[in-house]
């Protein structure tokens, strides 16, 4: 199962980087749209979640996702028809942060529930 998780996370990461660097006609890339920001947010939130599933470490998945987002945005400045965008970088970062907070929150809730169930079962014995 771990191998499948790695393949999915790597494939998604490579696809995200590839499609972030493929030249896009100027008329498409010149207008900043709300949907573009939402797409960046969702893409990097998903990236963080997929790497978390593989590593089970919030720190690793968050750092990798932030690095991919920043490096991809920087690389876009060297690609024809692409530009570095602070709005895109902010959306990438927000996606990573929100995904990280959700993972941490869900882990906390599950641990709290697990502890309460354990305490209840222990009291019943």
Protein backbone atom coordinates (compact mmCIF):
# COMPACT_ATOMS: atom_id res chain seq x y z
CA UNK A 1 0.00 0.00 0.00
CA UNK A 2 2.87 2.37 0.81
CA UNK A 3 4.20 1.98 -2.74
CA UNK A 4 0.84 3.01 -4.23
CA UNK A 5 0.68 6.06 -1.97
CA UNK A 6 4.18 7.08 -3.10
CA UNK A 7 3.33 6.59 -6.77
CA UNK A 8 0.15 8.68 -6.42
CA UNK A 9 1.94 11.50 -4.54
CA UNK A 10 4.87 11.56 -6.97
CA UNK A 11 2.66 11.43 -10.05
CA UNK A 12 0.49 14.26 -8.73
CA UNK A 13 3.57 16.35 -7.84
CA UNK A 14 5.17 15.86 -11.26
CA UNK A 15 1.89 16.62 -13.06
CA UNK A 16 1.41 19.76 -10.97
CA UNK A 17 4.92 20.99 -11.74
CA UNK A 18 4.61 20.10 -15.44
CA UNK A 19 1.28 21.88 -15.93
CA UNK A 20 2.56 24.86 -13.93
CA UNK A 21 5.50 25.28 -16.30
CA UNK A 22 3.92 24.50 -19.68
CA UNK A 23 3.77 27.71 -21.70
CA UNK A 24 0.29 29.21 -21.87
CA UNK A 25 -0.76 31.83 -24.46
CA UNK A 26 -0.40 35.37 -23.13
CA UNK A 27 -4.10 36.21 -23.43
CA UNK A 28 -4.93 33.33 -21.09
CA UNK A 29 -2.27 34.06 -18.48
CA UNK A 30 -2.57 37.88 -18.38
CA UNK A 31 -5.87 38.08 -16.52
CA UNK A 32 -5.93 37.02 -12.88
CA UNK A 33 -9.17 35.23 -12.23
CA UNK A 34 -10.75 34.11 -9.00
CA UNK A 35 -10.99 30.59 -10.40
CA UNK A 36 -7.21 30.58 -10.93
CA UNK A 37 -6.65 31.40 -7.26
CA UNK A 38 -9.10 28.67 -6.21
CA UNK A 39 -7.33 26.19 -8.49
CA UNK A 40 -3.95 27.02 -6.92
CA UNK A 41 -5.43 26.70 -3.43
CA UNK A 42 -7.03 23.33 -4.21
CA UNK A 43 -3.96 21.99 -6.02
CA UNK A 44 -1.57 22.67 -3.14
CA UNK A 45 -4.05 21.60 -0.49
CA UNK A 46 -4.34 18.28 -2.34
CA UNK A 47 -0.56 18.05 -2.71
CA UNK A 48 -0.11 18.45 1.04
CA UNK A 49 -2.76 15.85 1.79
CA UNK A 50 -1.32 13.28 -0.64
CA UNK A 51 2.18 13.58 0.82
CA UNK A 52 0.72 13.35 4.32
CA UNK A 53 -0.97 10.08 3.37
CA UNK A 54 2.40 8.75 2.25
CA UNK A 55 4.63 10.05 5.08
CA UNK A 56 2.10 10.38 7.93
CA UNK A 57 4.16 13.42 8.93
CA UNK A 58 2.50 16.83 8.75
CA UNK A 59 5.85 18.61 8.89
CA UNK A 60 7.33 16.77 5.88
CA UNK A 61 4.24 17.10 3.71
CA UNK A 62 3.87 20.80 4.51
CA UNK A 63 7.52 21.68 3.89
CA UNK A 64 7.60 19.76 0.61
CA UNK A 65 4.36 21.37 -0.59
CA UNK A 66 5.54 24.87 0.32
CA UNK A 67 8.85 24.26 -1.46
CA UNK A 68 7.17 22.91 -4.61
CA UNK A 69 4.81 25.91 -4.66
CA UNK A 70 7.57 28.48 -4.21
CA UNK A 71 10.03 26.87 -6.62
CA UNK A 72 7.37 26.38 -9.28
CA UNK A 73 6.34 30.03 -9.07
CA UNK A 74 9.99 31.12 -9.29
CA UNK A 75 10.58 28.83 -12.27
CA UNK A 76 7.60 30.36 -14.06
CA UNK A 77 9.51 33.63 -14.38
CA UNK A 78 11.94 31.83 -16.74
CA UNK A 79 9.23 30.19 -18.88
CA UNK A 80 7.77 31.97 -21.93
CA UNK A 81 4.18 33.12 -21.41
CA UNK A 82 4.47 32.54 -17.66
CA UNK A 83 5.08 35.08 -14.92
CA UNK A 84 5.89 34.95 -11.24
CA UNK A 85 2.71 35.81 -9.34
CA UNK A 86 2.49 36.74 -5.68
CA UNK A 87 -1.25 36.01 -5.80
CA UNK A 88 -0.57 32.46 -7.00
CA UNK A 89 2.17 32.01 -4.40
CA UNK A 90 -0.22 33.23 -1.69
CA UNK A 91 -2.92 30.82 -2.90
CA UNK A 92 -0.41 27.94 -2.96
CA UNK A 93 0.68 28.77 0.58
CA UNK A 94 -2.90 29.17 1.81
CA UNK A 95 -3.76 25.74 0.39
CA UNK A 96 -0.83 24.17 2.23
CA UNK A 97 -1.65 25.97 5.50
CA UNK A 98 -5.36 25.12 5.44
CA UNK A 99 -4.67 21.49 4.56
CA UNK A 100 -2.08 21.30 7.35
CA UNK A 101 -4.50 22.79 9.88
CA UNK A 102 -7.22 20.36 8.80
CA UNK A 103 -4.88 17.38 9.15
CA UNK A 104 -3.71 18.52 12.59
CA UNK A 105 -7.30 19.23 13.69
CA UNK A 106 -8.59 15.87 12.49
CA UNK A 107 -5.67 14.05 14.14
CA UNK A 108 -6.39 15.88 17.40
CA UNK A 109 -10.10 15.00 17.27
CA UNK A 110 -9.37 11.35 16.51
CA UNK A 111 -6.84 11.12 19.35
CA UNK A 112 -9.26 12.76 21.77
CA UNK A 113 -12.02 10.36 20.71
CA UNK A 114 -9.66 7.38 21.00
CA UNK A 115 -8.59 8.42 24.51
CA UNK A 116 -12.18 8.91 25.65
CA UNK A 117 -13.21 5.52 24.29
CA UNK A 118 -10.20 3.92 26.00
CA UNK A 119 -11.06 5.61 29.30
CA UNK A 120 -14.68 4.49 29.03
CA UNK A 121 -13.73 0.90 28.26
CA UNK A 122 -11.20 0.91 31.12
CA UNK A 123 -13.87 2.18 33.56
CA UNK A 124 -16.26 -0.57 32.48
CA UNK A 125 -13.76 -3.30 33.39
